[in-house]
Amino acid sequence: MKTITTPSNKGKSYRTLRSARRQAPFYLMMAPGLIFITILFYIPMAGVIIAFKDYNARDGIFGSPWMDPLFKNFEFFFKSDAARTVTFNTLFYNLLEAVTVTLCALAIAILLNEVKNKVTSATYKGSILLPTFLSWIVIQYILFSLLSVDRGIINSTITGNGGEAIYWYSEPSYWRFILPIAYLWKNVGYFSVLYVAAIAGINPDYYEAAQLDGASKWQRIKHITLPLLKPTIIVLSLLWVGKLFNGGLGDWNGFYTLPNDAGALYPATDVIDTLVFRSLKKVNDYGMASAVGLYQAVVGFFLVLISNYIIKKKDPDNALF
């Protein structure tokens, strides 16, 4: 069917081309990031077909035979004894971390905003942000120095006062608390800085007007700061929803390294990512690992779509897309 070009279409095309030329410097600035994302994230997506294949290194990704039945790799995971445990642990820790990190980061950001001395404020921000730059390996050594049965600071204190040493690395129930506390300590500084930046963007005239009307600090926080932080909270919450089924961007290392990969602690510390990692490291089961990774990605994608749809219905201005 032949496309008819009308004057309005010509005018629209001209305006689009003119706008593209005017924005050319910004497109050039954006190009390296887009190329980086395309190479590292989008091109490797072709490898998801491993989830449906009996993969072997000799034949490669595309030469390996298809599974029979096609969803056998998924079936292997969902029928395994570990499937229910790692799914529950993944959801439990991510939901707990989403709530605690958000609340604590908000509280810290609001408190930091009340510190008027620039040197003191910068010192506090640096101290809170410092754990973010520590690797999980370093944190593992710090934690081990605290929890070691024979040389740990906590057990030394307990036994020094006549108590019995606690075998932290043999009892899973302790790690329901240890892991969230460790994650909170490491990451709350990063999220608090995001909220501090958002608070800094609030027009100070609002606070001055409220103060002239006799509003207390709590009233200013409740009626000005929190409502104006709502878009930032929603965006970060949507990002949390997208990672509910994984250990986070590299944070799954905490679930693997902090407990020293102790088998006795798997009921409380094993998440989907650590199961995938062990499948690759010990069993070399690429098919099952890819199937679980695809399962995580698809569920996370639909969780973001559903959450964004709900927010769009309630408050369209604050939806992510």
C-alpha atoms as a PDB file:
ATOM      1  CA  MET A   1       0.000   0.000   0.000  1.00  0.00           C
ATOM      2  CA  LYS A   2       1.470   3.333  -1.046  1.00  0.00           C
ATOM      3  CA  THR A   3       2.004   5.905   1.662  1.00  0.00           C
ATOM      4  CA  ILE A   4       0.610   9.324   0.842  1.00  0.00           C
ATOM      5  CA  THR A   5       2.805  12.187   1.995  1.00  0.00           C
ATOM      6  CA  THR A   6       0.776  15.178   3.107  1.00  0.00           C
ATOM      7  CA  PRO A   7       2.042  18.660   3.999  1.00  0.00           C
ATOM      8  CA  SER A   8       1.323  17.928   7.653  1.00  0.00           C
ATOM      9  CA  ASN A   9       3.436  14.765   7.478  1.00  0.00           C
ATOM     10  CA  LYS A  10       6.253  16.719   5.832  1.00  0.00           C
ATOM     11  CA  GLY A  11       6.075  19.360   8.547  1.00  0.00           C
ATOM     12  CA  LYS A  12       6.109  16.733  11.292  1.00  0.00           C
ATOM     13  CA  SER A  13       9.109  14.941   9.722  1.00  0.00           C
ATOM     14  CA  TYR A  14      10.956  18.245   9.369  1.00  0.00           C
ATOM     15  CA  ARG A  15      10.336  19.159  13.010  1.00  0.00           C
ATOM     16  CA  THR A  16      11.508  15.700  14.138  1.00  0.00           C
ATOM     17  CA  LEU A  17      14.689  15.974  12.041  1.00  0.00           C
ATOM     18  CA  ARG A  18      15.355  19.494  13.299  1.00  0.00           C
ATOM     19  CA  SER A  19      14.853  18.375  16.892  1.00  0.00           C
ATOM     20  CA  ALA A  20      17.225  15.427  16.342  1.00  0.00           C
ATOM     21  CA  ARG A  21      19.909  17.741  14.966  1.00  0.00           C
ATOM     22  CA  ARG A  22      19.495  20.104  17.903  1.00  0.00           C
ATOM     23  CA  GLN A  23      19.788  17.226  20.380  1.00  0.00           C
ATOM     24  CA  ALA A  24      22.725  15.594  18.535  1.00  0.00           C
ATOM     25  CA  PRO A  25      25.335  16.435  21.245  1.00  0.00           C
ATOM     26  CA  PHE A  26      23.165  14.710  23.867  1.00  0.00           C
ATOM     27  CA  TYR A  27      22.750  11.643  21.665  1.00  0.00           C
ATOM     28  CA  LEU A  28      26.538  11.479  21.273  1.00  0.00           C
ATOM     29  CA  MET A  29      26.973  11.717  25.043  1.00  0.00           C
ATOM     30  CA  MET A  30      24.425   8.922  25.477  1.00  0.00           C
ATOM     31  CA  ALA A  31      25.988   6.662  22.812  1.00  0.00           C
ATOM     32  CA  PRO A  32      28.802   5.105  24.937  1.00  0.00           C
ATOM     33  CA  GLY A  33      26.319   4.101  27.631  1.00  0.00           C
ATOM     34  CA  LEU A  34      23.907   2.619  25.093  1.00  0.00           C
ATOM     35  CA  ILE A  35      26.711   0.674  23.402  1.00  0.00           C
ATOM     36  CA  PHE A  36      27.896  -0.607  26.803  1.00  0.00           C
ATOM     37  CA  ILE A  37      24.374  -1.734  27.770  1.00  0.00           C
ATOM     38  CA  THR A  38      23.762  -3.323  24.380  1.00  0.00           C
ATOM     39  CA  ILE A  39      26.998  -5.345  24.438  1.00  0.00           C
ATOM     40  CA  LEU A  40      26.783  -6.487  28.064  1.00  0.00           C
ATOM     41  CA  PHE A  41      23.025  -6.899  28.542  1.00  0.00           C
ATOM     42  CA  TYR A  42      21.098  -7.230  25.296  1.00  0.00           C
ATOM     43  CA  ILE A  43      23.370  -9.245  22.993  1.00  0.00           C
ATOM     44  CA  PRO A  44      23.950 -11.985  25.632  1.00  0.00           C
ATOM     45  CA  MET A  45      20.160 -12.394  25.944  1.00  0.00           C
ATOM     46  CA  ALA A  46      20.372 -14.764  22.972  1.00  0.00           C
ATOM     47  CA  GLY A  47      21.956 -17.210  25.402  1.00  0.00           C
ATOM     48  CA  VAL A  48      18.634 -17.787  27.189  1.00  0.00           C
ATOM     49  CA  ILE A  49      17.970 -20.629  24.770  1.00  0.00           C
ATOM     50  CA  ILE A  50      20.415 -22.671  26.899  1.00  0.00           C
ATOM     51  CA  ALA A  51      17.466 -23.048  29.298  1.00  0.00           C
ATOM     52  CA  PHE A  52      15.749 -25.173  26.653  1.00  0.00           C
ATOM     53  CA  LYS A  53      18.801 -27.144  25.500  1.00  0.00           C
ATOM     54  CA  ASP A  54      20.964 -30.023  26.640  1.00  0.00           C
ATOM     55  CA  TYR A  55      23.999 -27.760  26.541  1.00  0.00           C
ATOM     56  CA  ASN A  56      27.523 -29.005  25.979  1.00  0.00           C
ATOM     57  CA  ALA A  57      30.610 -26.885  25.332  1.00  0.00           C
ATOM     58  CA  ARG A  58      31.661 -28.888  22.261  1.00  0.00           C
ATOM     59  CA  ASP A  59      28.526 -28.075  20.240  1.00  0.00           C
ATOM     60  CA  GLY A  60      28.063 -24.577  21.656  1.00  0.00           C
ATOM     61  CA  ILE A  61      24.875 -22.691  22.452  1.00  0.00           C
ATOM     62  CA  PHE A  62      23.209 -23.030  19.066  1.00  0.00           C
ATOM     63  CA  GLY A  63      24.587 -26.450  18.176  1.00  0.00           C
ATOM     64  CA  SER A  64      23.545 -28.255  21.371  1.00  0.00           C
ATOM     65  CA  PRO A  65      20.423 -30.452  21.067  1.00  0.00           C
ATOM     66  CA  TRP A  66      17.048 -29.280  22.383  1.00  0.00           C
ATOM     67  CA  MET A  67      15.775 -30.837  25.587  1.00  0.00           C
ATOM     68  CA  ASP A  68      13.149 -33.547  25.343  1.00  0.00           C
ATOM     69  CA  PRO A  69      10.749 -32.539  26.804  1.00  0.00           C
ATOM     70  CA  LEU A  70      11.521 -28.870  26.100  1.00  0.00           C
ATOM     71  CA  PHE A  71      10.959 -27.633  29.687  1.00  0.00           C
ATOM     72  CA  LYS A  72      12.951 -30.397  31.369  1.00  0.00           C
ATOM     73  CA  ASN A  73      15.471 -27.954  32.886  1.00  0.00           C
ATOM     74  CA  PHE A  74      12.634 -26.006  34.518  1.00  0.00           C
ATOM     75  CA  GLU A  75      11.026 -29.225  35.704  1.00  0.00           C
ATOM     76  CA  PHE A  76      14.298 -30.303  37.335  1.00  0.00           C
ATOM     77  CA  PHE A  77      14.397 -27.100  39.391  1.00  0.00           C
ATOM     78  CA  PHE A  78      10.744 -26.966  40.421  1.00  0.00           C
ATOM     79  CA  LYS A  79      10.699 -30.619  41.461  1.00  0.00           C
ATOM     80  CA  SER A  80      13.883 -30.336  43.509  1.00  0.00           C
ATOM     81  CA  ASP A  81      13.718 -30.156  47.307  1.00  0.00           C
ATOM     82  CA  ALA A  82      15.552 -26.835  47.290  1.00  0.00           C
ATOM     83  CA  ALA A  83      13.082 -24.983  45.033  1.00  0.00           C
ATOM     84  CA  ARG A  84      10.597 -24.085  47.779  1.00  0.00           C
ATOM     85  CA  THR A  85      13.338 -23.163  50.266  1.00  0.00           C
ATOM     86  CA  VAL A  86      15.311 -20.858  47.985  1.00  0.00           C
ATOM     87  CA  THR A  87      12.142 -19.196  46.636  1.00  0.00           C
ATOM     88  CA  PHE A  88      10.896 -18.463  50.162  1.00  0.00           C
ATOM     89  CA  ASN A  89      14.303 -17.196  51.302  1.00  0.00           C
ATOM     90  CA  THR A  90      14.675 -14.954  48.252  1.00  0.00           C
ATOM     91  CA  LEU A  91      11.274 -13.343  48.750  1.00  0.00           C
ATOM     92  CA  PHE A  92      11.636 -13.126  52.534  1.00  0.00           C
ATOM     93  CA  TYR A  93      15.009 -11.365  52.506  1.00  0.00           C
ATOM     94  CA  ASN A  94      14.203  -9.018  49.645  1.00  0.00           C
ATOM     95  CA  LEU A  95      10.873  -7.917  51.118  1.00  0.00           C
ATOM     96  CA  LEU A  96      12.457  -7.446  54.536  1.00  0.00           C
ATOM     97  CA  GLU A  97      15.380  -5.518  53.057  1.00  0.00           C
ATOM     98  CA  ALA A  98      13.084  -3.339  50.928  1.00  0.00           C
ATOM     99  CA  VAL A  99      11.090  -2.237  53.980  1.00  0.00           C
ATOM    100  CA  THR A 100      13.948  -1.818  56.458  1.00  0.00           C
ATOM    101  CA  VAL A 101      16.365  -0.122  54.051  1.00  0.00           C
ATOM    102  CA  THR A 102      13.701   2.307  52.784  1.00  0.00           C
ATOM    103  CA  LEU A 103      12.540   3.300  56.273  1.00  0.00           C
ATOM    104  CA  CYS A 104      16.050   3.609  57.717  1.00  0.00           C
ATOM    105  CA  ALA A 105      17.371   5.480  54.656  1.00  0.00           C
ATOM    106  CA  LEU A 106      14.475   7.949  54.843  1.00  0.00           C
ATOM    107  CA  ALA A 107      15.032   8.508  58.565  1.00  0.00           C
ATOM    108  CA  ILE A 108      18.780   9.025  58.120  1.00  0.00           C
ATOM    109  CA  ALA A 109      18.275  11.384  55.159  1.00  0.00           C
ATOM    110  CA  ILE A 110      15.820  13.522  57.132  1.00  0.00           C
ATOM    111  CA  LEU A 111      18.175  13.637  60.131  1.00  0.00           C
ATOM    112  CA  LEU A 112      21.131  14.561  57.908  1.00  0.00           C
ATOM    113  CA  ASN A 113      19.071  17.349  56.391  1.00  0.00           C
ATOM    114  CA  GLU A 114      18.718  18.866  59.858  1.00  0.00           C
ATOM    115  CA  VAL A 115      22.511  19.092  60.288  1.00  0.00           C
ATOM    116  CA  LYS A 116      23.336  22.614  59.172  1.00  0.00           C
ATOM    117  CA  ASN A 117      27.115  22.524  59.657  1.00  0.00           C
ATOM    118  CA  LYS A 118      28.593  21.502  56.279  1.00  0.00           C
ATOM    119  CA  VAL A 119      31.707  19.825  57.711  1.00  0.00           C
ATOM    120  CA  THR A 120      29.713  17.811  60.243  1.00  0.00           C
ATOM    121  CA  SER A 121      27.129  16.859  57.612  1.00  0.00           C
ATOM    122  CA  ALA A 122      29.837  15.721  55.165  1.00  0.00           C
ATOM    123  CA  THR A 123      31.500  13.668  57.915  1.00  0.00           C
ATOM    124  CA  TYR A 124      28.253  11.911  58.769  1.00  0.00           C
ATOM    125  CA  LYS A 125      27.481  11.218  55.107  1.00  0.00           C
ATOM    126  CA  GLY A 126      30.961   9.809  54.494  1.00  0.00           C
ATOM    127  CA  SER A 127      30.765   7.573  57.568  1.00  0.00           C
ATOM    128  CA  ILE A 128      27.361   6.221  56.601  1.00  0.00           C
ATOM    129  CA  LEU A 129      28.372   5.703  52.967  1.00  0.00           C
ATOM    130  CA  LEU A 130      31.710   3.994  53.732  1.00  0.00           C
ATOM    131  CA  PRO A 131      30.308   0.432  54.188  1.00  0.00           C
ATOM    132  CA  THR A 132      28.814   0.619  50.675  1.00  0.00           C
ATOM    133  CA  PHE A 133      32.332   0.520  49.195  1.00  0.00           C
ATOM    134  CA  LEU A 134      33.397  -2.531  51.207  1.00  0.00           C
ATOM    135  CA  SER A 135      33.213  -5.851  49.388  1.00  0.00           C
ATOM    136  CA  TRP A 136      31.277  -8.738  50.881  1.00  0.00           C
ATOM    137  CA  ILE A 137      34.586 -10.562  51.362  1.00  0.00           C
ATOM    138  CA  VAL A 138      35.818  -7.810  53.697  1.00  0.00           C
ATOM    139  CA  ILE A 139      32.492  -7.848  55.537  1.00  0.00           C
ATOM    140  CA  GLN A 140      32.772 -11.624  55.833  1.00  0.00           C
ATOM    141  CA  TYR A 141      36.089 -11.267  57.674  1.00  0.00           C
ATOM    142  CA  ILE A 142      34.602  -8.599  59.940  1.00  0.00           C
ATOM    143  CA  LEU A 143      31.617 -10.843  60.690  1.00  0.00           C
ATOM    144  CA  PHE A 144      33.820 -13.881  61.259  1.00  0.00           C
ATOM    145  CA  SER A 145      35.903 -11.918  63.748  1.00  0.00           C
ATOM    146  CA  LEU A 146      32.692 -11.300  65.660  1.00  0.00           C
ATOM    147  CA  LEU A 147      31.063 -14.735  65.362  1.00  0.00           C
ATOM    148  CA  SER A 148      33.955 -17.212  65.330  1.00  0.00           C
ATOM    149  CA  VAL A 149      33.316 -19.925  67.901  1.00  0.00           C
ATOM    150  CA  ASP A 150      36.775 -19.940  69.474  1.00  0.00           C
ATOM    151  CA  ARG A 151      38.208 -16.518  68.545  1.00  0.00           C
ATOM    152  CA  GLY A 152      35.131 -14.354  67.948  1.00  0.00           C
ATOM    153  CA  ILE A 153      34.642 -11.183  69.981  1.00  0.00           C
ATOM    154  CA  ILE A 154      31.039 -12.055  70.894  1.00  0.00           C
ATOM    155  CA  ASN A 155      31.817 -15.597  72.066  1.00  0.00           C
ATOM    156  CA  SER A 156      34.910 -14.405  73.922  1.00  0.00           C
ATOM    157  CA  THR A 157      32.732 -11.915  75.784  1.00  0.00           C
ATOM    158  CA  ILE A 158      30.101 -14.560  76.548  1.00  0.00           C
ATOM    159  CA  THR A 159      32.564 -17.183  77.757  1.00  0.00           C
ATOM    160  CA  GLY A 160      34.514 -14.550  79.695  1.00  0.00           C
ATOM    161  CA  ASN A 161      31.359 -13.879  81.699  1.00  0.00           C
ATOM    162  CA  GLY A 162      30.742 -17.553  82.406  1.00  0.00           C
ATOM    163  CA  GLY A 163      28.392 -18.322  79.514  1.00  0.00           C
ATOM    164  CA  GLU A 164      28.576 -20.953  76.778  1.00  0.00           C
ATOM    165  CA  ALA A 165      29.855 -20.208  73.295  1.00  0.00           C
ATOM    166  CA  ILE A 166      27.240 -19.966  70.552  1.00  0.00           C
ATOM    167  CA  TYR A 167      27.828 -21.979  67.394  1.00  0.00           C
ATOM    168  CA  TRP A 168      26.725 -19.310  64.938  1.00  0.00           C
ATOM    169  CA  TYR A 169      27.789 -21.242  61.844  1.00  0.00           C
ATOM    170  CA  SER A 170      25.791 -24.342  62.765  1.00  0.00           C
ATOM    171  CA  GLU A 171      22.381 -22.886  63.636  1.00  0.00           C
ATOM    172  CA  PRO A 172      20.322 -21.507  60.690  1.00  0.00           C
ATOM    173  CA  SER A 173      17.828 -19.559  62.861  1.00  0.00           C
ATOM    174  CA  TYR A 174      20.440 -16.922  63.807  1.00  0.00           C
ATOM    175  CA  TRP A 175      20.995 -16.016  60.169  1.00  0.00           C
ATOM    176  CA  ARG A 176      17.426 -14.874  59.673  1.00  0.00           C
ATOM    177  CA  PHE A 177      18.591 -11.810  61.618  1.00  0.00           C
ATOM    178  CA  ILE A 178      22.308 -11.661  60.788  1.00  0.00           C
ATOM    179  CA  LEU A 179      21.899 -11.404  57.011  1.00  0.00           C
ATOM    180  CA  PRO A 180      19.310  -8.562  57.016  1.00  0.00           C
ATOM    181  CA  ILE A 181      21.366  -6.601  59.573  1.00  0.00           C
ATOM    182  CA  ALA A 182      24.528  -7.027  57.487  1.00  0.00           C
ATOM    183  CA  TYR A 183      22.725  -5.934  54.314  1.00  0.00           C
ATOM    184  CA  LEU A 184      21.180  -2.944  56.083  1.00  0.00           C
ATOM    185  CA  TRP A 185      24.551  -1.832  57.467  1.00  0.00           C
ATOM    186  CA  LYS A 186      26.200  -2.104  54.046  1.00  0.00           C
ATOM    187  CA  ASN A 187      23.538  -0.492  51.861  1.00  0.00           C
ATOM    188  CA  VAL A 188      21.527   1.964  53.931  1.00  0.00           C
ATOM    189  CA  GLY A 189      24.134   4.687  53.352  1.00  0.00           C
ATOM    190  CA  TYR A 190      23.783   4.469  49.579  1.00  0.00           C
ATOM    191  CA  PHE A 191      19.989   4.815  49.642  1.00  0.00           C
ATOM    192  CA  SER A 192      20.094   7.554  52.283  1.00  0.00           C
ATOM    193  CA  VAL A 193      22.346   9.624  49.992  1.00  0.00           C
ATOM    194  CA  LEU A 194      19.746   9.265  47.210  1.00  0.00           C
ATOM    195  CA  TYR A 195      17.068  10.610  49.540  1.00  0.00           C
ATOM    196  CA  VAL A 196      19.379  13.392  50.751  1.00  0.00           C
ATOM    197  CA  ALA A 197      19.815  14.487  47.134  1.00  0.00           C
ATOM    198  CA  ALA A 198      16.044  14.415  46.633  1.00  0.00           C
ATOM    199  CA  ILE A 199      15.493  16.512  49.773  1.00  0.00           C
ATOM    200  CA  ALA A 200      18.109  19.009  48.577  1.00  0.00           C
ATOM    201  CA  GLY A 201      15.958  19.580  45.477  1.00  0.00           C
ATOM    202  CA  ILE A 202      12.951  20.708  47.530  1.00  0.00           C
ATOM    203  CA  ASN A 203      12.325  24.459  47.356  1.00  0.00           C
ATOM    204  CA  PRO A 204      13.316  25.948  50.766  1.00  0.00           C
ATOM    205  CA  ASP A 205      10.488  28.488  50.408  1.00  0.00           C
ATOM    206  CA  TYR A 206       8.063  25.752  51.449  1.00  0.00           C
ATOM    207  CA  TYR A 207       9.860  25.281  54.759  1.00  0.00           C
ATOM    208  CA  GLU A 208      10.144  29.021  55.359  1.00  0.00           C
ATOM    209  CA  ALA A 209       6.429  29.550  54.742  1.00  0.00           C
ATOM    210  CA  ALA A 210       5.530  26.643  57.034  1.00  0.00           C
ATOM    211  CA  GLN A 211       7.847  27.948  59.753  1.00  0.00           C
ATOM    212  CA  LEU A 212       6.235  31.399  59.549  1.00  0.00           C
ATOM    213  CA  ASP A 213       2.848  29.718  60.000  1.00  0.00           C
ATOM    214  CA  GLY A 214       4.142  28.078  63.188  1.00  0.00           C
ATOM    215  CA  ALA A 215       4.641  24.523  61.884  1.00  0.00           C
ATOM    216  CA  SER A 216       6.915  22.333  63.990  1.00  0.00           C
ATOM    217  CA  LYS A 217       9.801  20.317  62.517  1.00  0.00           C
ATOM    218  CA  TRP A 218       7.721  17.146  62.556  1.00  0.00           C
ATOM    219  CA  GLN A 219       4.846  18.922  60.786  1.00  0.00           C
ATOM    220  CA  ARG A 220       7.242  20.216  58.126  1.00  0.00           C
ATOM    221  CA  ILE A 221       8.604  16.709  57.602  1.00  0.00           C
ATOM    222  CA  LYS A 222       5.116  15.173  57.501  1.00  0.00           C
ATOM    223  CA  HIS A 223       3.449  17.719  55.219  1.00  0.00           C
ATOM    224  CA  ILE A 224       6.353  18.892  53.033  1.00  0.00           C
ATOM    225  CA  THR A 225       9.339  16.521  52.992  1.00  0.00           C
ATOM    226  CA  LEU A 226       7.560  13.153  52.799  1.00  0.00           C
ATOM    227  CA  PRO A 227       4.931  14.157  50.198  1.00  0.00           C
ATOM    228  CA  LEU A 228       7.595  15.705  47.945  1.00  0.00           C
ATOM    229  CA  LEU A 229       9.773  12.582  48.327  1.00  0.00           C
ATOM    230  CA  LYS A 230       6.896  10.402  47.146  1.00  0.00           C
ATOM    231  CA  PRO A 231       8.051  10.175  43.474  1.00  0.00           C
ATOM    232  CA  THR A 232      11.564   9.134  44.537  1.00  0.00           C
ATOM    233  CA  ILE A 233      10.191   6.548  46.973  1.00  0.00           C
ATOM    234  CA  ILE A 234       7.920   5.101  44.279  1.00  0.00           C
ATOM    235  CA  VAL A 235      10.703   4.820  41.686  1.00  0.00           C
ATOM    236  CA  LEU A 236      13.082   3.133  44.134  1.00  0.00           C
ATOM    237  CA  SER A 237      10.282   0.837  45.333  1.00  0.00           C
ATOM    238  CA  LEU A 238       9.587  -0.229  41.740  1.00  0.00           C
ATOM    239  CA  LEU A 239      13.272  -1.049  41.339  1.00  0.00           C
ATOM    240  CA  TRP A 240      13.040  -3.139  44.520  1.00  0.00           C
ATOM    241  CA  VAL A 241      10.019  -4.983  43.095  1.00  0.00           C
ATOM    242  CA  GLY A 242      12.030  -5.853  39.993  1.00  0.00           C
ATOM    243  CA  LYS A 243      14.679  -7.591  42.089  1.00  0.00           C
ATOM    244  CA  LEU A 244      12.408  -9.432  44.523  1.00  0.00           C
ATOM    245  CA  PHE A 245      13.328 -12.733  42.899  1.00  0.00           C
ATOM    246  CA  ASN A 246      17.070 -12.285  42.944  1.00  0.00           C
ATOM    247  CA  GLY A 247      19.798 -11.421  45.412  1.00  0.00           C
ATOM    248  CA  GLY A 248      20.247  -7.968  44.013  1.00  0.00           C
ATOM    249  CA  LEU A 249      22.927  -6.428  41.813  1.00  0.00           C
ATOM    250  CA  GLY A 250      25.857  -8.396  43.165  1.00  0.00           C
ATOM    251  CA  ASP A 251      24.381  -8.554  46.663  1.00  0.00           C
ATOM    252  CA  TRP A 252      23.740 -12.286  46.383  1.00  0.00           C
ATOM    253  CA  ASN A 253      27.459 -12.583  47.175  1.00  0.00           C
ATOM    254  CA  GLY A 254      26.525 -11.726  50.745  1.00  0.00           C
ATOM    255  CA  PHE A 255      24.337 -14.817  50.971  1.00  0.00           C
ATOM    256  CA  TYR A 256      27.213 -16.945  49.708  1.00  0.00           C
ATOM    257  CA  THR A 257      30.236 -15.451  51.467  1.00  0.00           C
ATOM    258  CA  LEU A 258      28.917 -14.329  54.881  1.00  0.00           C
ATOM    259  CA  PRO A 259      27.852 -17.844  56.001  1.00  0.00           C
ATOM    260  CA  ASN A 260      31.060 -19.308  54.459  1.00  0.00           C
ATOM    261  CA  ASP A 261      28.812 -21.437  52.217  1.00  0.00           C
ATOM    262  CA  ALA A 262      28.127 -23.667  55.220  1.00  0.00           C
ATOM    263  CA  GLY A 263      25.782 -26.496  54.243  1.00  0.00           C
ATOM    264  CA  ALA A 264      24.166 -26.531  57.691  1.00  0.00           C
ATOM    265  CA  LEU A 265      22.930 -22.974  57.090  1.00  0.00           C
ATOM    266  CA  TYR A 266      21.330 -23.567  53.672  1.00  0.00           C
ATOM    267  CA  PRO A 267      17.751 -23.645  55.058  1.00  0.00           C
ATOM    268  CA  ALA A 268      18.162 -19.987  56.130  1.00  0.00           C
ATOM    269  CA  THR A 269      20.838 -18.626  53.775  1.00  0.00           C
ATOM    270  CA  ASP A 270      20.289 -20.316  50.411  1.00  0.00           C
ATOM    271  CA  VAL A 271      18.616 -18.113  47.776  1.00  0.00           C
ATOM    272  CA  ILE A 272      17.978 -18.640  44.084  1.00  0.00           C
ATOM    273  CA  ASP A 273      21.240 -16.994  43.031  1.00  0.00           C
ATOM    274  CA  THR A 274      23.410 -19.102  45.333  1.00  0.00           C
ATOM    275  CA  LEU A 275      21.670 -22.255  44.085  1.00  0.00           C
ATOM    276  CA  VAL A 276      22.428 -21.238  40.487  1.00  0.00           C
ATOM    277  CA  PHE A 277      26.045 -20.459  41.357  1.00  0.00           C
ATOM    278  CA  ARG A 278      26.579 -23.850  43.006  1.00  0.00           C
ATOM    279  CA  SER A 279      24.895 -25.561  40.044  1.00  0.00           C
ATOM    280  CA  LEU A 280      27.495 -23.993  37.767  1.00  0.00           C
ATOM    281  CA  LYS A 281      30.449 -24.417  40.123  1.00  0.00           C
ATOM    282  CA  LYS A 282      29.908 -27.948  41.381  1.00  0.00           C
ATOM    283  CA  VAL A 283      27.556 -29.683  38.934  1.00  0.00           C
ATOM    284  CA  ASN A 284      28.262 -27.723  35.717  1.00  0.00           C
ATOM    285  CA  ASP A 285      24.519 -27.804  34.990  1.00  0.00           C
ATOM    286  CA  TYR A 286      24.285 -24.860  32.586  1.00  0.00           C
ATOM    287  CA  GLY A 287      20.787 -25.743  31.435  1.00  0.00           C
ATOM    288  CA  MET A 288      19.225 -25.692  34.901  1.00  0.00           C
ATOM    289  CA  ALA A 289      21.147 -22.553  35.897  1.00  0.00           C
ATOM    290  CA  SER A 290      19.919 -20.748  32.767  1.00  0.00           C
ATOM    291  CA  ALA A 291      16.364 -21.954  33.366  1.00  0.00           C
ATOM    292  CA  VAL A 292      16.351 -20.557  36.898  1.00  0.00           C
ATOM    293  CA  GLY A 293      17.892 -17.284  35.697  1.00  0.00           C
ATOM    294  CA  LEU A 294      15.189 -16.954  33.022  1.00  0.00           C
ATOM    295  CA  TYR A 295      12.528 -17.746  35.617  1.00  0.00           C
ATOM    296  CA  GLN A 296      13.879 -14.937  37.820  1.00  0.00           C
ATOM    297  CA  ALA A 297      14.010 -12.429  34.974  1.00  0.00           C
ATOM    298  CA  VAL A 298      10.494 -13.136  33.693  1.00  0.00           C
ATOM    299  CA  VAL A 299       8.899 -13.015  37.158  1.00  0.00           C
ATOM    300  CA  GLY A 300      10.778  -9.805  38.004  1.00  0.00           C
ATOM    301  CA  PHE A 301       9.696  -8.224  34.696  1.00  0.00           C
ATOM    302  CA  PHE A 302       6.023  -8.985  35.293  1.00  0.00           C
ATOM    303  CA  LEU A 303       6.231  -7.792  38.903  1.00  0.00           C
ATOM    304  CA  VAL A 304       7.485  -4.409  37.676  1.00  0.00           C
ATOM    305  CA  LEU A 305       4.712  -4.224  35.044  1.00  0.00           C
ATOM    306  CA  ILE A 306       2.013  -5.107  37.568  1.00  0.00           C
ATOM    307  CA  SER A 307       3.330  -2.699  40.218  1.00  0.00           C
ATOM    308  CA  ASN A 308       3.671   0.116  37.692  1.00  0.00           C
ATOM    309  CA  TYR A 309       0.128  -0.570  36.416  1.00  0.00           C
ATOM    310  CA  ILE A 310      -1.292  -0.308  39.948  1.00  0.00           C
ATOM    311  CA  ILE A 311       0.596   2.942  40.608  1.00  0.00           C
ATOM    312  CA  LYS A 312      -0.505   4.329  37.241  1.00  0.00           C
ATOM    313  CA  LYS A 313      -4.145   3.677  38.147  1.00  0.00           C
ATOM    314  CA  LYS A 314      -3.778   5.316  41.558  1.00  0.00           C
ATOM    315  CA  ASP A 315      -1.349   8.145  40.726  1.00  0.00           C
ATOM    316  CA  PRO A 316      -0.421   8.444  37.003  1.00  0.00           C
ATOM    317  CA  ASP A 317       2.088  11.246  37.588  1.00  0.00           C
ATOM    318  CA  ASN A 318       4.317   9.017  39.724  1.00  0.00           C
ATOM    319  CA  ALA A 319       4.319   5.926  37.493  1.00  0.00           C
ATOM    320  CA  LEU A 320       7.662   4.784  36.122  1.00  0.00           C
ATOM    321  CA  PHE A 321       6.361   4.552  32.539  1.00  0.00           C
END
